[in-house]
Amino acid sequence: MKKQDILRHVGHMSQIAEIREISYQEGRAKGMNGWQIKNGPLRFTVMKDKGLDISELSYKGINMSFLSKPGLQGRNHYDTNGQEAQRSIMGGMIFTCGLENICAPYIGDREYPMHGRIRTTPAEHTGEKVCWEGDEYHLSVCGEMREAELFGENLVLKRKISTIFPGKQIIIEDEIENQGFREEPAMLLYHFNVGYPLLEEGTKIILPTKKVTPRDEAAAPFTEKYCIMEAPKDREPEYVFLHELAEDGEGNTFAAVINEKTGFGIRLDFNRKNLPYFMEWKSLASGDYVVGLEPANSSVYGRAYHEENGNLHTIKPFARENNRLVITILEEEELVRTEEEAQALAGKKE
């Protein structure tokens, strides 16, 4: 529809597309601020006080994100305390891991918490914008998170999240800058978490994978089933798989979750030039039923692994690194096309 046609049908654009600032008033989330963003049938929440991560996402009333048992919450005193950090991992549609560490907690010259500190860092210099560009209505929010220490690192993650009405995409644009005067570790993992009801028995995990490696003995017997969800199982351990993903000539690749029964899916596009690693976190455990799709610049084995192997990802003083991720809602014939695209990219289609 043209801009004029859209405006003929509504009084105020917030009827169909808006950014609304919110504040939580109770529980562990008390005092947190965020934005609720509406783009027609696409609804999602961006947390100002938690790394500008997306906490929840739904489309046409169907939830697609995962929320862990601790529930919605902000920064707590146990965020950076070893395994206690699991009490503050709420999941969400996506949470950002880093920047000094990802995955397991590690004690080296100091303590590095599970999945790092950036995931609970409140944003500053935040802003929002809505505007018409031709016949498209653009909505965006932005801000920056700083990971810094006296006599230590000074890393800044600047983020913009945008969506366009009418449309079914969310675009995440990140820039990491080392504003310090020494080279620093800069580990990064995007923890993209899909949950019920999009995720249920029979849901497919679509990846253009060339090679699958189980992380450990617990996952090894289930490697061939990495691409399909089973029903929840009581007390089932988590499985983690490392994937070598195929890419196009420019390094672009993707991961998707598709529910053929409901006719919906969700897709994450990214580039392997800055995010060469990809992990799949599959949990069938009752109450912890989730699939995590995790592009990263470092391995699931974390900081200890990279220090031992001498390949810890670092960023030089005043250097910048940029990442762009696109979340797309899939429906109808897009489900089949996405599966065919993955097969073709991986060279598995005849």
Protein backbone atom coordinates (compact mmCIF):
# COMPACT_ATOMS: atom_id res chain seq x y z
CA MET A 1 0.00 0.00 0.00
CA LYS A 2 1.04 3.58 -0.63
CA LYS A 3 1.54 5.97 2.30
CA GLN A 4 -1.64 7.85 1.42
CA ASP A 5 -3.63 4.61 1.26
CA ILE A 6 -2.40 3.54 4.69
CA LEU A 7 -3.26 6.93 6.20
CA ARG A 8 -6.75 6.72 4.70
CA HIS A 9 -7.37 3.67 6.88
CA VAL A 10 -6.01 4.88 10.25
CA GLY A 11 -6.27 7.90 12.49
CA HIS A 12 -2.85 7.63 14.14
CA MET A 13 -0.04 5.34 12.96
CA SER A 14 0.25 3.84 16.46
CA GLN A 15 -2.92 1.96 15.57
CA ILE A 16 -0.78 -0.38 13.45
CA ALA A 17 2.87 0.51 14.09
CA GLU A 18 4.48 2.15 17.10
CA ILE A 19 7.27 2.26 19.68
CA ARG A 20 6.02 2.50 23.24
CA GLU A 21 8.33 3.05 26.20
CA ILE A 22 7.57 0.78 29.16
CA SER A 23 8.71 0.34 32.75
CA TYR A 24 8.29 -2.81 34.86
CA GLN A 25 6.90 -2.44 38.37
CA GLU A 26 7.27 -5.75 40.19
CA GLY A 27 9.31 -8.88 40.72
CA ARG A 28 12.89 -9.27 39.53
CA ALA A 29 12.11 -7.00 36.60
CA LYS A 30 11.11 -4.07 38.84
CA GLY A 31 12.69 -0.83 37.69
CA MET A 32 13.65 -2.09 34.26
CA ASN A 33 12.85 0.00 31.22
CA GLY A 34 12.28 -1.01 27.65
CA TRP A 35 10.37 -0.49 24.44
CA GLN A 36 7.42 -2.44 23.09
CA ILE A 37 7.50 -2.29 19.31
CA LYS A 38 4.52 -3.05 17.10
CA ASN A 39 4.83 -3.60 13.36
CA GLY A 40 1.40 -4.81 12.32
CA PRO A 41 1.14 -8.45 13.51
CA LEU A 42 4.83 -8.47 14.54
CA ARG A 43 5.37 -7.55 18.21
CA PHE A 44 8.62 -7.53 20.17
CA THR A 45 10.20 -5.98 23.27
CA VAL A 46 13.67 -4.42 23.49
CA MET A 47 15.19 -4.12 26.96
CA LYS A 48 16.92 -0.79 27.62
CA ASP A 49 18.39 -2.04 30.87
CA LYS A 50 19.60 -5.38 29.55
CA GLY A 51 21.94 -4.89 26.63
CA LEU A 52 19.21 -3.71 24.21
CA ASP A 53 18.41 -7.38 23.76
CA ILE A 54 15.03 -8.62 22.52
CA SER A 55 13.21 -10.32 25.40
CA GLU A 56 10.09 -11.53 23.63
CA LEU A 57 8.73 -11.80 20.10
CA SER A 58 5.40 -12.87 18.68
CA TYR A 59 3.74 -12.86 15.28
CA LYS A 60 -0.02 -13.02 14.71
CA GLY A 61 -0.37 -13.86 18.40
CA ILE A 62 2.03 -16.83 18.30
CA ASN A 63 4.95 -16.63 20.71
CA MET A 64 8.30 -17.55 19.19
CA SER A 65 10.74 -16.74 22.00
CA PHE A 66 11.93 -18.63 25.09
CA LEU A 67 11.76 -17.38 28.68
CA SER A 68 13.65 -19.41 31.28
CA LYS A 69 12.37 -20.29 34.75
CA PRO A 70 13.94 -17.26 36.52
CA GLY A 71 11.76 -15.05 34.33
CA LEU A 72 12.21 -11.47 33.20
CA GLN A 73 14.85 -9.67 35.22
CA GLY A 74 17.63 -7.10 35.09
CA ARG A 75 21.11 -6.91 36.55
CA ASN A 76 21.49 -8.73 39.88
CA HIS A 77 24.29 -9.21 42.41
CA TYR A 78 24.79 -12.78 41.18
CA ASP A 79 25.19 -11.95 37.47
CA THR A 80 28.97 -12.24 37.57
CA ASN A 81 29.41 -14.92 40.21
CA GLY A 82 30.48 -18.16 38.50
CA GLN A 83 27.69 -20.70 38.02
CA GLU A 84 25.33 -18.39 39.91
CA ALA A 85 25.09 -16.50 36.64
CA GLN A 86 22.60 -19.13 35.45
CA ARG A 87 20.08 -17.57 37.83
CA SER A 88 20.11 -14.42 35.72
CA ILE A 89 19.98 -16.08 32.29
CA MET A 90 16.38 -15.43 31.36
CA GLY A 91 16.75 -16.41 27.72
CA GLY A 92 14.62 -14.11 25.66
CA MET A 93 14.46 -14.00 21.86
CA ILE A 94 18.10 -13.00 21.76
CA PHE A 95 20.70 -12.16 24.36
CA THR A 96 24.22 -11.00 23.69
CA CYS A 97 27.16 -12.83 25.25
CA GLY A 98 30.63 -11.33 25.80
CA LEU A 99 32.74 -9.35 25.69
CA GLU A 100 35.58 -10.77 27.78
CA ASN A 101 34.09 -14.26 27.88
CA ILE A 102 31.36 -16.43 26.39
CA CYS A 103 29.95 -19.78 27.50
CA ALA A 104 31.32 -21.45 30.67
CA PRO A 105 32.66 -19.34 33.54
CA TYR A 106 36.44 -19.19 33.65
CA ILE A 107 38.99 -18.19 36.27
CA GLY A 108 42.31 -17.05 34.83
CA ASP A 109 44.00 -13.84 35.93
CA ARG A 110 40.53 -12.92 37.23
CA GLU A 111 37.02 -14.39 37.21
CA TYR A 112 35.14 -14.32 33.92
CA PRO A 113 31.41 -15.01 34.40
CA MET A 114 29.25 -17.35 32.37
CA HIS A 115 28.40 -15.73 29.00
CA GLY A 116 30.10 -12.52 30.12
CA ARG A 117 28.86 -9.20 31.46
CA ILE A 118 27.48 -7.44 28.41
CA ARG A 119 24.21 -9.43 28.51
CA THR A 120 23.07 -7.59 31.65
CA THR A 121 24.69 -4.21 30.98
CA PRO A 122 22.16 -1.34 30.93
CA ALA A 123 22.19 0.89 27.86
CA GLU A 124 22.93 4.60 27.84
CA HIS A 125 22.50 7.33 25.22
CA THR A 126 19.31 5.60 24.17
CA GLY A 127 16.86 6.89 21.61
CA GLU A 128 13.94 6.01 19.38
CA LYS A 129 12.76 7.17 15.99
CA VAL A 130 9.77 6.71 13.69
CA CYS A 131 9.56 8.25 10.25
CA TRP A 132 8.21 7.79 6.75
CA GLU A 133 10.66 7.01 3.97
CA GLY A 134 8.60 6.96 0.83
CA ASP A 135 5.81 4.43 1.39
CA GLU A 136 7.66 2.68 4.22
CA TYR A 137 7.20 3.51 7.91
CA HIS A 138 10.52 3.03 9.71
CA LEU A 139 10.78 2.32 13.43
CA SER A 140 14.11 2.11 15.28
CA VAL A 141 15.67 2.22 18.74
CA CYS A 142 19.34 2.61 19.64
CA GLY A 143 21.80 2.92 22.48
CA GLU A 144 25.20 1.80 23.70
CA MET A 145 26.59 -0.51 26.36
CA ARG A 146 30.02 -0.07 27.93
CA GLU A 147 32.14 -2.86 29.40
CA ALA A 148 34.89 -1.15 31.33
CA GLU A 149 37.10 -1.33 34.39
CA LEU A 150 39.48 1.05 36.18
CA PHE A 151 42.93 0.24 34.78
CA GLY A 152 41.21 -2.32 32.53
CA GLU A 153 39.24 -2.60 29.31
CA ASN A 154 37.04 0.09 27.75
CA LEU A 155 34.83 -1.58 25.15
CA VAL A 156 31.66 -0.01 23.76
CA LEU A 157 28.87 -1.85 21.95
CA LYS A 158 26.63 0.49 19.96
CA ARG A 159 23.37 -1.06 18.79
CA LYS A 160 20.49 -0.11 16.54
CA ILE A 161 17.37 -2.27 16.17
CA SER A 162 14.95 -1.41 13.39
CA THR A 163 11.88 -2.69 11.59
CA ILE A 164 9.84 -1.42 8.64
CA PHE A 165 6.06 -1.36 8.27
CA PRO A 166 4.73 -3.19 6.41
CA GLY A 167 7.15 -6.05 6.88
CA LYS A 168 8.23 -9.09 8.86
CA GLN A 169 11.88 -8.33 9.61
CA ILE A 170 13.91 -7.03 12.55
CA ILE A 171 17.41 -5.73 11.79
CA ILE A 172 20.12 -5.65 14.47
CA GLU A 173 23.17 -3.50 13.67
CA ASP A 174 26.09 -3.61 16.11
CA GLU A 175 29.39 -1.78 16.28
CA ILE A 176 32.02 -2.75 18.84
CA GLU A 177 34.76 -0.22 19.46
CA ASN A 178 37.81 -0.52 21.66
CA GLN A 179 38.03 2.94 23.24
CA GLY A 180 41.05 1.95 25.32
CA PHE A 181 44.76 2.19 24.62
CA ARG A 182 45.61 -1.51 24.62
CA GLU A 183 44.52 -4.52 22.62
CA GLU A 184 41.63 -6.30 24.33
CA PRO A 185 39.78 -9.63 24.06
CA ALA A 186 36.44 -9.12 22.31
CA MET A 187 34.48 -12.37 22.36
CA LEU A 188 30.93 -12.25 21.05
CA LEU A 189 28.06 -14.72 20.77
CA TYR A 190 24.45 -13.97 19.77
CA HIS A 191 22.21 -16.35 21.75
CA PHE A 192 19.02 -16.61 19.65
CA ASN A 193 16.41 -18.66 21.55
CA VAL A 194 13.26 -20.20 20.09
CA GLY A 195 10.52 -21.55 22.35
CA TYR A 196 6.98 -22.97 22.53
CA PRO A 197 4.51 -22.89 20.84
CA LEU A 198 6.58 -22.36 17.69
CA LEU A 199 8.89 -25.01 19.12
CA GLU A 200 7.18 -28.34 19.68
CA GLU A 201 7.50 -31.99 18.71
CA GLY A 202 8.21 -32.20 14.98
CA THR A 203 9.56 -28.65 14.62
CA LYS A 204 12.58 -28.53 12.26
CA ILE A 205 15.92 -26.82 12.78
CA ILE A 206 17.06 -25.75 9.32
CA LEU A 207 20.81 -25.17 8.83
CA PRO A 208 23.03 -25.17 5.72
CA THR A 209 25.46 -27.31 7.66
CA LYS A 210 28.44 -29.07 6.10
CA LYS A 211 29.66 -30.75 9.28
CA VAL A 212 28.13 -31.41 12.71
CA THR A 213 30.23 -32.13 15.81
CA PRO A 214 28.76 -32.91 19.23
CA ARG A 215 30.27 -30.88 22.05
CA ASP A 216 30.53 -33.80 24.47
CA GLU A 217 29.51 -37.38 25.22
CA ALA A 218 26.03 -36.31 26.30
CA ALA A 219 25.28 -34.92 22.84
CA ALA A 220 27.12 -37.53 20.76
CA PRO A 221 24.33 -40.19 20.57
CA PHE A 222 21.86 -37.56 19.32
CA THR A 223 23.94 -35.92 16.59
CA GLU A 224 21.80 -37.23 13.74
CA LYS A 225 18.70 -35.75 15.37
CA TYR A 226 20.10 -32.22 15.64
CA CYS A 227 17.58 -31.04 13.01
CA ILE A 228 14.32 -32.18 14.64
CA MET A 229 12.63 -31.49 17.96
CA GLU A 230 11.20 -34.29 20.05
CA ALA A 231 8.63 -33.96 22.82
CA PRO A 232 9.82 -32.66 26.20
CA LYS A 233 11.49 -35.19 28.50
CA ASP A 234 11.82 -34.95 32.27
CA ARG A 235 15.40 -34.37 33.50
CA GLU A 236 16.91 -34.66 30.01
CA PRO A 237 20.41 -33.17 29.70
CA GLU A 238 21.14 -30.39 27.21
CA TYR A 239 22.79 -31.15 23.87
CA VAL A 240 25.19 -28.78 22.13
CA PHE A 241 26.34 -29.23 18.53
CA LEU A 242 29.05 -27.34 16.67
CA HIS A 243 28.22 -26.67 13.01
CA GLU A 244 30.37 -25.73 10.07
CA LEU A 245 27.90 -23.70 8.02
CA ALA A 246 28.04 -23.17 4.28
CA GLU A 247 28.00 -19.58 3.06
CA ASP A 248 27.55 -17.67 -0.18
CA GLY A 249 30.31 -15.80 -2.00
CA GLU A 250 30.05 -12.86 0.38
CA GLY A 251 30.02 -14.91 3.57
CA ASN A 252 26.27 -14.74 4.17
CA THR A 253 24.49 -17.66 5.82
CA PHE A 254 21.47 -18.32 8.03
CA ALA A 255 19.70 -20.55 10.54
CA ALA A 256 15.96 -21.16 10.82
CA VAL A 257 13.32 -22.93 12.90
CA ILE A 258 10.20 -24.12 11.07
CA ASN A 259 6.93 -25.51 12.39
CA GLU A 260 5.13 -27.04 9.41
CA LYS A 261 2.06 -27.87 11.51
CA THR A 262 1.33 -24.24 12.38
CA GLY A 263 2.74 -22.90 9.10
CA PHE A 264 5.17 -20.49 10.75
CA GLY A 265 8.90 -20.20 11.17
CA ILE A 266 11.66 -17.79 12.12
CA ARG A 267 15.01 -17.18 10.44
CA LEU A 268 18.27 -15.53 11.47
CA ASP A 269 20.62 -14.22 8.75
CA PHE A 270 24.22 -13.21 9.50
CA ASN A 271 27.69 -13.10 7.97
CA ARG A 272 30.48 -15.55 8.78
CA LYS A 273 33.33 -13.10 8.13
CA ASN A 274 33.05 -11.74 11.67
CA LEU A 275 31.00 -14.65 13.08
CA PRO A 276 32.76 -17.81 11.82
CA TYR A 277 31.56 -20.10 14.62
CA PHE A 278 28.04 -21.49 14.98
CA MET A 279 26.61 -23.56 17.82
CA GLU A 280 23.22 -25.18 18.31
CA TRP A 281 21.90 -25.51 21.85
CA LYS A 282 19.12 -28.09 22.01
CA SER A 283 17.31 -28.70 25.28
CA LEU A 284 14.44 -31.17 25.47
CA ALA A 285 14.23 -30.95 29.26
CA SER A 286 10.75 -30.37 30.65
CA GLY A 287 10.54 -26.74 31.72
CA ASP A 288 13.72 -25.90 29.79
CA TYR A 289 12.40 -26.66 26.31
CA VAL A 290 14.35 -24.52 23.86
CA VAL A 291 16.58 -24.41 20.80
CA GLY A 292 19.38 -21.85 20.75
CA LEU A 293 20.96 -20.77 17.46
CA GLU A 294 24.31 -19.14 18.21
CA PRO A 295 26.53 -17.36 15.68
CA ALA A 296 29.78 -16.25 17.33
CA ASN A 297 33.32 -15.03 16.77
CA SER A 298 34.61 -17.62 19.28
CA SER A 299 34.07 -21.26 20.16
CA VAL A 300 31.56 -22.74 22.58
CA TYR A 301 34.54 -23.96 24.62
CA GLY A 302 35.03 -20.40 25.79
CA ARG A 303 37.95 -18.24 26.84
CA ALA A 304 40.00 -21.03 28.41
CA TYR A 305 40.02 -22.95 25.09
CA HIS A 306 41.16 -19.95 23.06
CA GLU A 307 43.83 -18.91 25.54
CA GLU A 308 45.25 -22.42 25.54
CA ASN A 309 45.27 -22.49 21.73
CA GLY A 310 46.61 -18.97 21.30
CA ASN A 311 43.72 -17.76 19.12
CA LEU A 312 41.71 -15.55 21.48
CA HIS A 313 39.78 -12.98 19.43
CA THR A 314 41.04 -9.47 20.20
CA ILE A 315 40.43 -5.93 19.02
CA LYS A 316 43.15 -3.28 18.68
CA PRO A 317 42.93 0.19 20.29
CA PHE A 318 40.25 2.32 18.64
CA ALA A 319 39.45 -0.39 16.10
CA ARG A 320 35.82 -1.16 15.27
CA GLU A 321 33.98 -4.31 14.28
CA ASN A 322 30.49 -4.39 12.78
CA ASN A 323 27.81 -7.08 12.66
CA ARG A 324 24.40 -7.13 11.05
CA LEU A 325 21.79 -9.76 11.88
CA VAL A 326 18.33 -10.00 10.37
CA ILE A 327 15.39 -11.80 11.96
CA THR A 328 12.65 -12.75 9.47
CA ILE A 329 9.27 -14.31 10.15
CA LEU A 330 8.46 -17.15 7.76
CA GLU A 331 5.06 -18.43 6.64
CA GLU A 332 3.39 -20.43 3.89
CA GLU A 333 5.65 -21.06 0.86
CA GLU A 334 8.59 -19.36 2.61
CA LEU A 335 8.97 -22.46 4.77
CA VAL A 336 9.68 -24.70 1.78
CA ARG A 337 11.91 -22.13 0.09
CA THR A 338 14.03 -21.74 3.20
CA GLU A 339 14.58 -25.47 3.51
CA GLU A 340 15.49 -25.71 -0.17
CA GLU A 341 17.87 -22.77 0.19
CA ALA A 342 19.70 -24.46 3.07
CA GLN A 343 20.10 -27.66 1.07
CA ALA A 344 21.36 -25.80 -1.99
CA LEU A 345 23.81 -23.69 0.02
CA ALA A 346 25.25 -26.79 1.68
CA GLY A 347 25.50 -28.58 -1.67
CA LYS A 348 23.04 -31.28 -0.63
CA LYS A 349 20.42 -30.65 -3.29
CA GLU A 350 20.59 -32.71 -6.48
